[in-house]
Amino acid sequence: MAKVNVKICMGTTCFVMGSSQLQDLVDIVNKRYGEDVVVVGSTCLNYCTDNSEYSKAPYVKVDDVIIQEATIDKVLQEIDRKLKEDGKQ
């Protein structure tokens, strides 16, 4: 079965807008999901350049789903949805 991949944008805009707090996801995800989910940081996902307003940062990508104004809760909800969809929960 495929793993769920989570990318946290750590570019300047996202970092300033809150992705620094999203680094806690690594520990939370490891404890909660084990090896079913992989979390990595990305230097920049370039979503703020596609979106003329920076107010949607920070961005996180869960597989192919882009989460704007990402929070730990929003990301965990999407991971849960994805795992349920894939039959892992």
PDB file of N, CA and C in Angstrom:
ATOM      1  N   MET A   1       0.836  -1.190   0.000  1.00  0.00           N
ATOM      2  CA  MET A   1       0.000   0.000   0.000  1.00  0.00           C
ATOM      3  C   MET A   1       0.877   1.247   0.000  1.00  0.00           C
ATOM      4  N   ALA A   2       0.415   2.240  -0.698  1.00  0.00           N
ATOM      5  CA  ALA A   2       1.166   3.488  -0.803  1.00  0.00           C
ATOM      6  C   ALA A   2       1.084   4.283   0.498  1.00  0.00           C
ATOM      7  N   LYS A   3       2.116   5.026   0.750  1.00  0.00           N
ATOM      8  CA  LYS A   3       2.148   5.895   1.915  1.00  0.00           C
ATOM      9  C   LYS A   3       1.534   7.239   1.565  1.00  0.00           C
ATOM     10  N   VAL A   4       1.020   7.920   2.584  1.00  0.00           N
ATOM     11  CA  VAL A   4       0.545   9.292   2.410  1.00  0.00           C
ATOM     12  C   VAL A   4       1.756  10.195   2.587  1.00  0.00           C
ATOM     13  N   ASN A   5       1.970  11.082   1.615  1.00  0.00           N
ATOM     14  CA  ASN A   5       3.107  11.995   1.651  1.00  0.00           C
ATOM     15  C   ASN A   5       2.649  13.400   1.991  1.00  0.00           C
ATOM     16  N   VAL A   6       3.292  13.976   2.995  1.00  0.00           N
ATOM     17  CA  VAL A   6       2.969  15.323   3.457  1.00  0.00           C
ATOM     18  C   VAL A   6       4.190  16.202   3.250  1.00  0.00           C
ATOM     19  N   LYS A   7       3.995  17.322   2.547  1.00  0.00           N
ATOM     20  CA  LYS A   7       5.078  18.286   2.339  1.00  0.00           C
ATOM     21  C   LYS A   7       4.682  19.600   2.996  1.00  0.00           C
ATOM     22  N   ILE A   8       5.520  20.074   3.884  1.00  0.00           N
ATOM     23  CA  ILE A   8       5.302  21.355   4.557  1.00  0.00           C
ATOM     24  C   ILE A   8       6.183  22.391   3.884  1.00  0.00           C
ATOM     25  N   CYS A   9       5.569  23.443   3.377  1.00  0.00           N
ATOM     26  CA  CYS A   9       6.355  24.512   2.768  1.00  0.00           C
ATOM     27  C   CYS A   9       7.082  25.282   3.866  1.00  0.00           C
ATOM     28  N   MET A  10       8.375  25.395   3.720  1.00  0.00           N
ATOM     29  CA  MET A  10       9.188  26.125   4.684  1.00  0.00           C
ATOM     30  C   MET A  10       9.820  27.359   4.036  1.00  0.00           C
ATOM     31  N   GLY A  11       9.251  27.778   2.897  1.00  0.00           N
ATOM     32  CA  GLY A  11       9.714  29.002   2.251  1.00  0.00           C
ATOM     33  C   GLY A  11       9.481  30.195   3.160  1.00  0.00           C
ATOM     34  N   THR A  12      10.077  31.302   2.844  1.00  0.00           N
ATOM     35  CA  THR A  12      10.036  32.483   3.713  1.00  0.00           C
ATOM     36  C   THR A  12       8.616  32.903   4.066  1.00  0.00           C
ATOM     37  N   THR A  13       7.755  33.060   3.078  1.00  0.00           N
ATOM     38  CA  THR A  13       6.389  33.512   3.347  1.00  0.00           C
ATOM     39  C   THR A  13       5.650  32.523   4.238  1.00  0.00           C
ATOM     40  N   CYS A  14       5.714  31.257   3.901  1.00  0.00           N
ATOM     41  CA  CYS A  14       5.020  30.246   4.707  1.00  0.00           C
ATOM     42  C   CYS A  14       5.606  30.159   6.113  1.00  0.00           C
ATOM     43  N   PHE A  15       6.925  30.239   6.213  1.00  0.00           N
ATOM     44  CA  PHE A  15       7.564  30.159   7.526  1.00  0.00           C
ATOM     45  C   PHE A  15       7.093  31.300   8.419  1.00  0.00           C
ATOM     46  N   VAL A  16       7.085  32.510   7.864  1.00  0.00           N
ATOM     47  CA  VAL A  16       6.659  33.686   8.627  1.00  0.00           C
ATOM     48  C   VAL A  16       5.173  33.594   8.993  1.00  0.00           C
ATOM     49  N   MET A  17       4.378  32.986   8.098  1.00  0.00           N
ATOM     50  CA  MET A  17       2.932  32.909   8.305  1.00  0.00           C
ATOM     51  C   MET A  17       2.512  31.695   9.148  1.00  0.00           C
ATOM     52  N   GLY A  18       3.474  30.900   9.635  1.00  0.00           N
ATOM     53  CA  GLY A  18       3.105  29.858  10.577  1.00  0.00           C
ATOM     54  C   GLY A  18       3.605  28.453  10.331  1.00  0.00           C
ATOM     55  N   SER A  19       4.310  28.208   9.245  1.00  0.00           N
ATOM     56  CA  SER A  19       4.751  26.830   9.025  1.00  0.00           C
ATOM     57  C   SER A  19       5.809  26.398  10.042  1.00  0.00           C
ATOM     58  N   SER A  20       6.415  27.345  10.736  1.00  0.00           N
ATOM     59  CA  SER A  20       7.387  26.967  11.763  1.00  0.00           C
ATOM     60  C   SER A  20       6.718  26.121  12.846  1.00  0.00           C
ATOM     61  N   GLN A  21       5.445  26.407  13.156  1.00  0.00           N
ATOM     62  CA  GLN A  21       4.714  25.609  14.140  1.00  0.00           C
ATOM     63  C   GLN A  21       4.327  24.238  13.578  1.00  0.00           C
ATOM     64  N   LEU A  22       4.256  24.116  12.261  1.00  0.00           N
ATOM     65  CA  LEU A  22       3.855  22.856  11.638  1.00  0.00           C
ATOM     66  C   LEU A  22       4.957  21.799  11.712  1.00  0.00           C
ATOM     67  N   GLN A  23       6.153  22.194  12.102  1.00  0.00           N
ATOM     68  CA  GLN A  23       7.233  21.229  12.243  1.00  0.00           C
ATOM     69  C   GLN A  23       6.900  20.164  13.288  1.00  0.00           C
ATOM     70  N   ASP A  24       6.014  20.499  14.230  1.00  0.00           N
ATOM     71  CA  ASP A  24       5.580  19.530  15.237  1.00  0.00           C
ATOM     72  C   ASP A  24       4.853  18.348  14.612  1.00  0.00           C
ATOM     73  N   LEU A  25       4.382  18.515  13.370  1.00  0.00           N
ATOM     74  CA  LEU A  25       3.689  17.428  12.689  1.00  0.00           C
ATOM     75  C   LEU A  25       4.548  16.176  12.560  1.00  0.00           C
ATOM     76  N   VAL A  26       5.840  16.345  12.439  1.00  0.00           N
ATOM     77  CA  VAL A  26       6.725  15.192  12.276  1.00  0.00           C
ATOM     78  C   VAL A  26       6.548  14.234  13.453  1.00  0.00           C
ATOM     79  N   ASP A  27       6.627  14.747  14.667  1.00  0.00           N
ATOM     80  CA  ASP A  27       6.478  13.902  15.857  1.00  0.00           C
ATOM     81  C   ASP A  27       5.055  13.385  16.008  1.00  0.00           C
ATOM     82  N   ILE A  28       4.081  14.252  15.790  1.00  0.00           N
ATOM     83  CA  ILE A  28       2.676  13.864  15.930  1.00  0.00           C
ATOM     84  C   ILE A  28       2.331  12.749  14.949  1.00  0.00           C
ATOM     85  N   VAL A  29       2.722  12.923  13.707  1.00  0.00           N
ATOM     86  CA  VAL A  29       2.410  11.948  12.665  1.00  0.00           C
ATOM     87  C   VAL A  29       3.118  10.618  12.932  1.00  0.00           C
ATOM     88  N   ASN A  30       4.376  10.663  13.339  1.00  0.00           N
ATOM     89  CA  ASN A  30       5.101   9.426  13.627  1.00  0.00           C
ATOM     90  C   ASN A  30       4.415   8.622  14.722  1.00  0.00           C
ATOM     91  N   LYS A  31       3.979   9.297  15.775  1.00  0.00           N
ATOM     92  CA  LYS A  31       3.315   8.610  16.883  1.00  0.00           C
ATOM     93  C   LYS A  31       1.926   8.119  16.499  1.00  0.00           C
ATOM     94  N   ARG A  32       1.210   8.903  15.712  1.00  0.00           N
ATOM     95  CA  ARG A  32      -0.194   8.601  15.397  1.00  0.00           C
ATOM     96  C   ARG A  32      -0.358   7.608  14.246  1.00  0.00           C
ATOM     97  N   TYR A  33       0.486   7.699  13.225  1.00  0.00           N
ATOM     98  CA  TYR A  33       0.293   6.907  12.011  1.00  0.00           C
ATOM     99  C   TYR A  33       1.435   5.943  11.700  1.00  0.00           C
ATOM    100  N   GLY A  34       2.537   6.075  12.389  1.00  0.00           N
ATOM    101  CA  GLY A  34       3.667   5.195  12.113  1.00  0.00           C
ATOM    102  C   GLY A  34       4.206   5.393  10.711  1.00  0.00           C
ATOM    103  N   GLU A  35       4.433   4.290  10.023  1.00  0.00           N
ATOM    104  CA  GLU A  35       5.066   4.342   8.704  1.00  0.00           C
ATOM    105  C   GLU A  35       4.086   4.586   7.559  1.00  0.00           C
ATOM    106  N   ASP A  36       2.785   4.751   7.868  1.00  0.00           N
ATOM    107  CA  ASP A  36       1.795   4.989   6.811  1.00  0.00           C
ATOM    108  C   ASP A  36       1.878   6.401   6.233  1.00  0.00           C
ATOM    109  N   VAL A  37       2.518   7.317   6.981  1.00  0.00           N
ATOM    110  CA  VAL A  37       2.575   8.715   6.553  1.00  0.00           C
ATOM    111  C   VAL A  37       4.017   9.213   6.658  1.00  0.00           C
ATOM    112  N   VAL A  38       4.453   9.912   5.627  1.00  0.00           N
ATOM    113  CA  VAL A  38       5.800  10.496   5.601  1.00  0.00           C
ATOM    114  C   VAL A  38       5.661  12.011   5.539  1.00  0.00           C
ATOM    115  N   VAL A  39       6.337  12.704   6.454  1.00  0.00           N
ATOM    116  CA  VAL A  39       6.307  14.170   6.491  1.00  0.00           C
ATOM    117  C   VAL A  39       7.691  14.703   6.174  1.00  0.00           C
ATOM    118  N   VAL A  40       7.736  15.632   5.223  1.00  0.00           N
ATOM    119  CA  VAL A  40       9.003  16.276   4.875  1.00  0.00           C
ATOM    120  C   VAL A  40       8.781  17.781   4.745  1.00  0.00           C
ATOM    121  N   GLY A  41       9.854  18.517   4.944  1.00  0.00           N
ATOM    122  CA  GLY A  41       9.821  19.947   4.697  1.00  0.00           C
ATOM    123  C   GLY A  41      10.282  20.213   3.274  1.00  0.00           C
ATOM    124  N   SER A  42       9.779  21.286   2.709  1.00  0.00           N
ATOM    125  CA  SER A  42      10.159  21.673   1.351  1.00  0.00           C
ATOM    126  C   SER A  42      10.621  23.120   1.391  1.00  0.00           C
ATOM    127  N   THR A  43      11.689  23.423   0.665  1.00  0.00           N
ATOM    128  CA  THR A  43      12.199  24.796   0.688  1.00  0.00           C
ATOM    129  C   THR A  43      11.147  25.782   0.201  1.00  0.00           C
ATOM    130  N   CYS A  44      10.361  25.405  -0.788  1.00  0.00           N
ATOM    131  CA  CYS A  44       9.250  26.241  -1.247  1.00  0.00           C
ATOM    132  C   CYS A  44       8.386  25.418  -2.191  1.00  0.00           C
ATOM    133  N   LEU A  45       7.085  25.460  -1.991  1.00  0.00           N
ATOM    134  CA  LEU A  45       6.155  24.751  -2.866  1.00  0.00           C
ATOM    135  C   LEU A  45       5.631  25.651  -3.987  1.00  0.00           C
ATOM    136  N   ASN A  46       5.963  26.944  -3.927  1.00  0.00           N
ATOM    137  CA  ASN A  46       5.598  27.934  -4.949  1.00  0.00           C
ATOM    138  C   ASN A  46       4.098  28.223  -5.063  1.00  0.00           C
ATOM    139  N   TYR A  47       3.305  27.867  -4.067  1.00  0.00           N
ATOM    140  CA  TYR A  47       1.870  28.147  -4.144  1.00  0.00           C
ATOM    141  C   TYR A  47       1.569  29.618  -3.891  1.00  0.00           C
ATOM    142  N   CYS A  48       2.409  30.307  -3.152  1.00  0.00           N
ATOM    143  CA  CYS A  48       2.162  31.735  -2.927  1.00  0.00           C
ATOM    144  C   CYS A  48       2.411  32.541  -4.200  1.00  0.00           C
ATOM    145  N   THR A  49       3.241  32.028  -5.113  1.00  0.00           N
ATOM    146  CA  THR A  49       3.457  32.732  -6.375  1.00  0.00           C
ATOM    147  C   THR A  49       2.295  32.490  -7.336  1.00  0.00           C
ATOM    148  N   ASP A  50       1.635  31.331  -7.205  1.00  0.00           N
ATOM    149  CA  ASP A  50       0.456  31.049  -8.022  1.00  0.00           C
ATOM    150  C   ASP A  50      -0.752  31.833  -7.532  1.00  0.00           C
ATOM    151  N   ASN A  51      -0.725  32.182  -6.268  1.00  0.00           N
ATOM    152  CA  ASN A  51      -1.805  32.898  -5.610  1.00  0.00           C
ATOM    153  C   ASN A  51      -1.297  34.312  -5.350  1.00  0.00           C
ATOM    154  N   SER A  52      -1.923  35.306  -5.916  1.00  0.00           N
ATOM    155  CA  SER A  52      -1.395  36.662  -5.772  1.00  0.00           C
ATOM    156  C   SER A  52      -1.472  37.180  -4.346  1.00  0.00           C
ATOM    157  N   GLU A  53      -2.297  36.579  -3.509  1.00  0.00           N
ATOM    158  CA  GLU A  53      -2.380  37.027  -2.118  1.00  0.00           C
ATOM    159  C   GLU A  53      -1.628  36.056  -1.217  1.00  0.00           C
ATOM    160  N   TYR A  54      -0.728  36.584  -0.429  1.00  0.00           N
ATOM    161  CA  TYR A  54       0.084  35.759   0.456  1.00  0.00           C
ATOM    162  C   TYR A  54      -0.670  35.343   1.703  1.00  0.00           C
ATOM    163  N   SER A  55      -1.876  35.835   1.881  1.00  0.00           N
ATOM    164  CA  SER A  55      -2.620  35.554   3.095  1.00  0.00           C
ATOM    165  C   SER A  55      -3.073  34.103   3.188  1.00  0.00           C
ATOM    166  N   LYS A  56      -2.866  33.307   2.163  1.00  0.00           N
ATOM    167  CA  LYS A  56      -3.272  31.899   2.195  1.00  0.00           C
ATOM    168  C   LYS A  56      -2.173  31.003   2.760  1.00  0.00           C
ATOM    169  N   ALA A  57      -1.007  31.551   3.034  1.00  0.00           N
ATOM    170  CA  ALA A  57       0.097  30.788   3.610  1.00  0.00           C
ATOM    171  C   ALA A  57      -0.203  30.530   5.090  1.00  0.00           C
ATOM    172  N   PRO A  58       0.342  29.492   5.674  1.00  0.00           N
ATOM    173  CA  PRO A  58       1.259  28.521   5.112  1.00  0.00           C
ATOM    174  C   PRO A  58       0.536  27.439   4.307  1.00  0.00           C
ATOM    175  N   TYR A  59       1.279  26.835   3.399  1.00  0.00           N
ATOM    176  CA  TYR A  59       0.754  25.784   2.544  1.00  0.00           C
ATOM    177  C   TYR A  59       1.355  24.432   2.932  1.00  0.00           C
ATOM    178  N   VAL A  60       0.507  23.411   2.871  1.00  0.00           N
ATOM    179  CA  VAL A  60       0.948  22.035   3.071  1.00  0.00           C
ATOM    180  C   VAL A  60       0.292  21.205   1.979  1.00  0.00           C
ATOM    181  N   LYS A  61       1.029  20.260   1.455  1.00  0.00           N
ATOM    182  CA  LYS A  61       0.484  19.372   0.428  1.00  0.00           C
ATOM    183  C   LYS A  61       0.404  17.957   1.012  1.00  0.00           C
ATOM    184  N   VAL A  62      -0.798  17.392   1.011  1.00  0.00           N
ATOM    185  CA  VAL A  62      -1.015  16.021   1.455  1.00  0.00           C
ATOM    186  C   VAL A  62      -1.358  15.223   0.200  1.00  0.00           C
ATOM    187  N   ASP A  63      -0.416  14.423  -0.244  1.00  0.00           N
ATOM    188  CA  ASP A  63      -0.495  13.768  -1.549  1.00  0.00           C
ATOM    189  C   ASP A  63      -0.785  14.832  -2.604  1.00  0.00           C
ATOM    190  N   ASP A  64      -1.955  14.844  -3.215  1.00  0.00           N
ATOM    191  CA  ASP A  64      -2.250  15.827  -4.253  1.00  0.00           C
ATOM    192  C   ASP A  64      -3.170  16.951  -3.784  1.00  0.00           C
ATOM    193  N   VAL A  65      -3.455  16.997  -2.489  1.00  0.00           N
ATOM    194  CA  VAL A  65      -4.354  18.020  -1.934  1.00  0.00           C
ATOM    195  C   VAL A  65      -3.527  19.146  -1.325  1.00  0.00           C
ATOM    196  N   ILE A  66      -3.798  20.366  -1.761  1.00  0.00           N
ATOM    197  CA  ILE A  66      -3.106  21.538  -1.232  1.00  0.00           C
ATOM    198  C   ILE A  66      -3.963  22.142  -0.127  1.00  0.00           C
ATOM    199  N   ILE A  67      -3.373  22.317   1.038  1.00  0.00           N
ATOM    200  CA  ILE A  67      -4.074  22.924   2.163  1.00  0.00           C
ATOM    201  C   ILE A  67      -3.550  24.339   2.331  1.00  0.00           C
ATOM    202  N   GLN A  68      -4.460  25.302   2.210  1.00  0.00           N
ATOM    203  CA  GLN A  68      -4.119  26.707   2.420  1.00  0.00           C
ATOM    204  C   GLN A  68      -4.358  27.055   3.881  1.00  0.00           C
ATOM    205  N   GLU A  69      -3.638  28.056   4.376  1.00  0.00           N
ATOM    206  CA  GLU A  69      -3.756  28.471   5.779  1.00  0.00           C
ATOM    207  C   GLU A  69      -3.699  27.243   6.679  1.00  0.00           C
ATOM    208  N   ALA A  70      -2.696  26.423   6.426  1.00  0.00           N
ATOM    209  CA  ALA A  70      -2.574  25.126   7.084  1.00  0.00           C
ATOM    210  C   ALA A  70      -2.346  25.255   8.584  1.00  0.00           C
ATOM    211  N   THR A  71      -3.009  24.363   9.299  1.00  0.00           N
ATOM    212  CA  THR A  71      -2.806  24.203  10.738  1.00  0.00           C
ATOM    213  C   THR A  71      -2.572  22.716  10.972  1.00  0.00           C
ATOM    214  N   ILE A  72      -2.096  22.382  12.140  1.00  0.00           N
ATOM    215  CA  ILE A  72      -1.896  20.971  12.472  1.00  0.00           C
ATOM    216  C   ILE A  72      -3.223  20.228  12.359  1.00  0.00           C
ATOM    217  N   ASP A  73      -4.301  20.806  12.874  1.00  0.00           N
ATOM    218  CA  ASP A  73      -5.608  20.140  12.811  1.00  0.00           C
ATOM    219  C   ASP A  73      -6.073  19.917  11.380  1.00  0.00           C
ATOM    220  N   LYS A  74      -5.931  20.921  10.522  1.00  0.00           N
ATOM    221  CA  LYS A  74      -6.340  20.770   9.121  1.00  0.00           C
ATOM    222  C   LYS A  74      -5.555  19.662   8.433  1.00  0.00           C
ATOM    223  N   VAL A  75      -4.267  19.603   8.702  1.00  0.00           N
ATOM    224  CA  VAL A  75      -3.420  18.588   8.066  1.00  0.00           C
ATOM    225  C   VAL A  75      -3.796  17.202   8.579  1.00  0.00           C
ATOM    226  N   LEU A  76      -3.998  17.054   9.882  1.00  0.00           N
ATOM    227  CA  LEU A  76      -4.377  15.755  10.435  1.00  0.00           C
ATOM    228  C   LEU A  76      -5.727  15.297   9.901  1.00  0.00           C
ATOM    229  N   GLN A  77      -6.667  16.221   9.731  1.00  0.00           N
ATOM    230  CA  GLN A  77      -7.969  15.870   9.162  1.00  0.00           C
ATOM    231  C   GLN A  77      -7.815  15.337   7.742  1.00  0.00           C
ATOM    232  N   GLU A  78      -6.963  15.977   6.951  1.00  0.00           N
ATOM    233  CA  GLU A  78      -6.757  15.523   5.577  1.00  0.00           C
ATOM    234  C   GLU A  78      -6.042  14.168   5.546  1.00  0.00           C
ATOM    235  N   ILE A  79      -5.084  13.967   6.440  1.00  0.00           N
ATOM    236  CA  ILE A  79      -4.408  12.670   6.513  1.00  0.00           C
ATOM    237  C   ILE A  79      -5.425  11.587   6.874  1.00  0.00           C
ATOM    238  N   ASP A  80      -6.279  11.849   7.881  1.00  0.00           N
ATOM    239  CA  ASP A  80      -7.309  10.883   8.275  1.00  0.00           C
ATOM    240  C   ASP A  80      -8.228  10.562   7.097  1.00  0.00           C
ATOM    241  N   ARG A  81      -8.638  11.602   6.366  1.00  0.00           N
ATOM    242  CA  ARG A  81      -9.522  11.404   5.215  1.00  0.00           C
ATOM    243  C   ARG A  81      -8.831  10.535   4.157  1.00  0.00           C
ATOM    244  N   LYS A  82      -7.573  10.854   3.910  1.00  0.00           N
ATOM    245  CA  LYS A  82      -6.805  10.125   2.895  1.00  0.00           C
ATOM    246  C   LYS A  82      -6.617   8.662   3.294  1.00  0.00           C
ATOM    247  N   LEU A  83      -6.286   8.413   4.554  1.00  0.00           N
ATOM    248  CA  LEU A  83      -6.092   7.041   5.014  1.00  0.00           C
ATOM    249  C   LEU A  83      -7.398   6.255   4.975  1.00  0.00           C
ATOM    250  N   LYS A  84      -8.484   6.908   5.323  1.00  0.00           N
ATOM    251  CA  LYS A  84      -9.798   6.252   5.275  1.00  0.00           C
ATOM    252  C   LYS A  84     -10.139   5.899   3.828  1.00  0.00           C
ATOM    253  N   GLU A  85      -9.884   6.841   2.943  1.00  0.00           N
ATOM    254  CA  GLU A  85     -10.123   6.637   1.506  1.00  0.00           C
ATOM    255  C   GLU A  85      -9.292   5.461   0.975  1.00  0.00           C
ATOM    256  N   ASP A  86      -8.073   5.334   1.476  1.00  0.00           N
ATOM    257  CA  ASP A  86      -7.177   4.268   1.039  1.00  0.00           C
ATOM    258  C   ASP A  86      -7.408   2.964   1.803  1.00  0.00           C
ATOM    259  N   GLY A  87      -8.358   2.975   2.748  1.00  0.00           N
ATOM    260  CA  GLY A  87      -8.680   1.764   3.509  1.00  0.00           C
ATOM    261  C   GLY A  87      -7.700   1.410   4.600  1.00  0.00           C
ATOM    262  N   LYS A  88      -6.934   2.401   5.074  1.00  0.00           N
ATOM    263  CA  LYS A  88      -5.946   2.130   6.119  1.00  0.00           C
ATOM    264  C   LYS A  88      -6.469   2.455   7.507  1.00  0.00           C
ATOM    265  N   GLN A  89      -7.676   2.995   7.607  1.00  0.00           N
ATOM    266  CA  GLN A  89      -8.245   3.304   8.932  1.00  0.00           C
ATOM    267  C   GLN A  89      -9.608   2.717   9.047  1.00  0.00           C
TER     268      GLN A  89
END
